[in-house]
């Protein structure tokens, strides 16, 4: 069974690159371009993991993460990995405080990201 990953990033080049990387790694992938679309996709598609940017129009990644964690009918809850250029301690701490499972700062190693995703999904890394 292929795990479902939702990529949430308003930068098209990044979301396309992540979509390609994840599909090549065997995951089923969908993309959302802003926080509002992300919440709609999460509720309807129920991904296993969400790669979530912070700086987006509509709702930012912190708001999206907190909203997902408050969705009582979303069982099981998806793993949330914040994937962002915001790397200061205060932002990392806030991301984890609102419910993120992990926090990766851009630019990132694709191999490291795939390892982290596999770990969160309970898989052996490729």
Protein backbone atom coordinates (compact mmCIF):
# COMPACT_ATOMS: atom_id res chain seq x y z
CA UNK A 1 0.00 0.00 0.00
CA UNK A 2 1.34 3.39 -1.02
CA UNK A 3 1.30 6.14 1.59
CA UNK A 4 -0.40 9.43 0.73
CA UNK A 5 1.57 12.66 1.12
CA UNK A 6 0.17 16.17 0.73
CA UNK A 7 2.71 18.83 -0.28
CA UNK A 8 1.61 22.31 0.83
CA UNK A 9 3.73 25.10 -0.63
CA UNK A 10 2.84 28.23 -2.57
CA UNK A 11 6.12 28.17 -4.52
CA UNK A 12 5.36 26.17 -7.65
CA UNK A 13 8.98 25.15 -8.33
CA UNK A 14 9.35 23.67 -4.85
CA UNK A 15 6.01 21.85 -4.87
CA UNK A 16 6.69 20.39 -8.34
CA UNK A 17 10.16 19.22 -7.30
CA UNK A 18 8.81 17.61 -4.13
CA UNK A 19 5.96 15.99 -6.04
CA UNK A 20 8.44 14.46 -8.50
CA UNK A 21 10.79 13.29 -5.72
CA UNK A 22 8.02 11.70 -3.68
CA UNK A 23 6.33 10.00 -6.61
CA UNK A 24 9.69 8.57 -7.67
CA UNK A 25 10.06 7.23 -4.11
CA UNK A 26 6.71 5.42 -4.49
CA UNK A 27 4.34 7.72 -2.64
CA UNK A 28 0.92 8.91 -3.79
CA UNK A 29 1.16 12.72 -3.86
CA UNK A 30 -1.21 15.67 -3.98
CA UNK A 31 -0.36 19.38 -3.87
CA UNK A 32 -2.06 22.36 -2.23
CA UNK A 33 -0.91 25.92 -2.91
CA UNK A 34 -2.26 27.70 0.19
CA UNK A 35 -3.48 27.04 3.71
CA UNK A 36 -7.19 27.05 2.92
CA UNK A 37 -6.77 24.55 0.08
CA UNK A 38 -4.55 22.45 2.36
CA UNK A 39 -7.27 22.11 5.00
CA UNK A 40 -9.83 21.17 2.37
CA UNK A 41 -7.50 18.52 0.89
CA UNK A 42 -6.59 17.10 4.29
CA UNK A 43 -10.27 16.71 5.27
CA UNK A 44 -11.25 15.12 1.95
CA UNK A 45 -8.16 13.11 0.96
CA UNK A 46 -6.86 12.14 4.43
CA UNK A 47 -3.12 11.97 3.74
CA UNK A 48 -0.76 9.97 5.93
CA UNK A 49 1.75 12.82 6.02
CA UNK A 50 1.71 16.54 5.22
CA UNK A 51 4.79 18.51 4.14
CA UNK A 52 3.79 22.00 5.23
CA UNK A 53 5.37 25.35 4.38
CA UNK A 54 4.84 28.19 6.86
CA UNK A 55 4.72 31.33 4.72
CA UNK A 56 1.61 31.02 2.54
CA UNK A 57 -1.40 33.11 1.57
CA UNK A 58 -4.73 32.55 3.30
CA UNK A 59 -3.70 30.61 6.38
CA UNK A 60 -0.05 30.18 7.27
CA UNK A 61 1.47 26.81 8.14
CA UNK A 62 1.17 27.37 11.90
CA UNK A 63 -2.58 27.99 11.54
CA UNK A 64 -3.01 24.98 9.25
CA UNK A 65 -1.12 22.69 11.63
CA UNK A 66 -3.14 23.84 14.63
CA UNK A 67 -6.41 23.47 12.70
CA UNK A 68 -5.52 19.91 11.66
CA UNK A 69 -4.72 18.97 15.24
CA UNK A 70 -8.15 20.30 16.28
CA UNK A 71 -10.01 18.15 13.68
CA UNK A 72 -11.61 15.58 15.98
CA UNK A 73 -13.06 13.58 13.10
CA UNK A 74 -9.66 13.15 11.43
CA UNK A 75 -8.54 9.73 12.59
CA UNK A 76 -5.80 8.82 12.31
CA UNK A 77 -4.15 12.23 12.35
CA UNK A 78 -1.57 12.76 9.61
CA UNK A 79 2.07 13.26 10.49
CA UNK A 80 3.02 16.90 9.84
CA UNK A 81 6.51 17.90 8.77
CA UNK A 82 7.04 21.63 8.51
CA UNK A 83 9.30 22.35 5.55
CA UNK A 84 10.25 26.01 5.60
CA UNK A 85 12.87 28.71 5.21
CA UNK A 86 12.06 29.94 8.72
CA UNK A 87 14.78 28.31 10.79
CA UNK A 88 15.06 30.41 13.94
CA UNK A 89 14.56 28.68 17.28
CA UNK A 90 11.39 30.65 17.99
CA UNK A 91 9.77 29.38 14.77
CA UNK A 92 10.90 25.79 15.32
CA UNK A 93 9.51 25.89 18.86
CA UNK A 94 6.21 27.38 17.66
CA UNK A 95 5.90 24.73 14.92
CA UNK A 96 6.34 21.92 17.40
CA UNK A 97 4.05 23.64 19.93
CA UNK A 98 1.15 23.80 17.44
CA UNK A 99 1.50 20.09 16.70
CA UNK A 100 4.14 19.50 14.02
CA UNK A 101 5.88 16.14 14.26
CA UNK A 102 9.07 17.42 12.65
CA UNK A 103 10.63 20.62 11.31
CA UNK A 104 12.97 20.77 8.29
CA UNK A 105 14.64 24.00 7.17
CA UNK A 106 15.10 24.93 3.49
CA UNK A 107 17.40 24.34 1.77
CA UNK A 108 17.37 20.67 2.74
CA UNK A 109 18.92 17.41 1.65
CA UNK A 110 16.44 15.34 -0.35
CA UNK A 111 17.93 12.15 1.09
CA UNK A 112 17.49 13.44 4.63
CA UNK A 113 13.91 14.45 3.88
CA UNK A 114 13.12 10.99 2.47
CA UNK A 115 14.67 9.40 5.58
CA UNK A 116 12.55 11.55 7.87
CA UNK A 117 9.38 10.80 5.90
CA UNK A 118 10.07 7.07 6.00
CA UNK A 119 10.67 7.23 9.76
CA UNK A 120 7.40 9.09 10.37
CA UNK A 121 5.50 6.58 8.24
CA UNK A 122 7.10 3.63 10.01
CA UNK A 123 8.99 2.48 6.92
CA UNK A 124 12.49 1.39 6.11
CA UNK A 125 14.23 4.17 4.21
CA UNK A 126 15.13 3.36 0.63
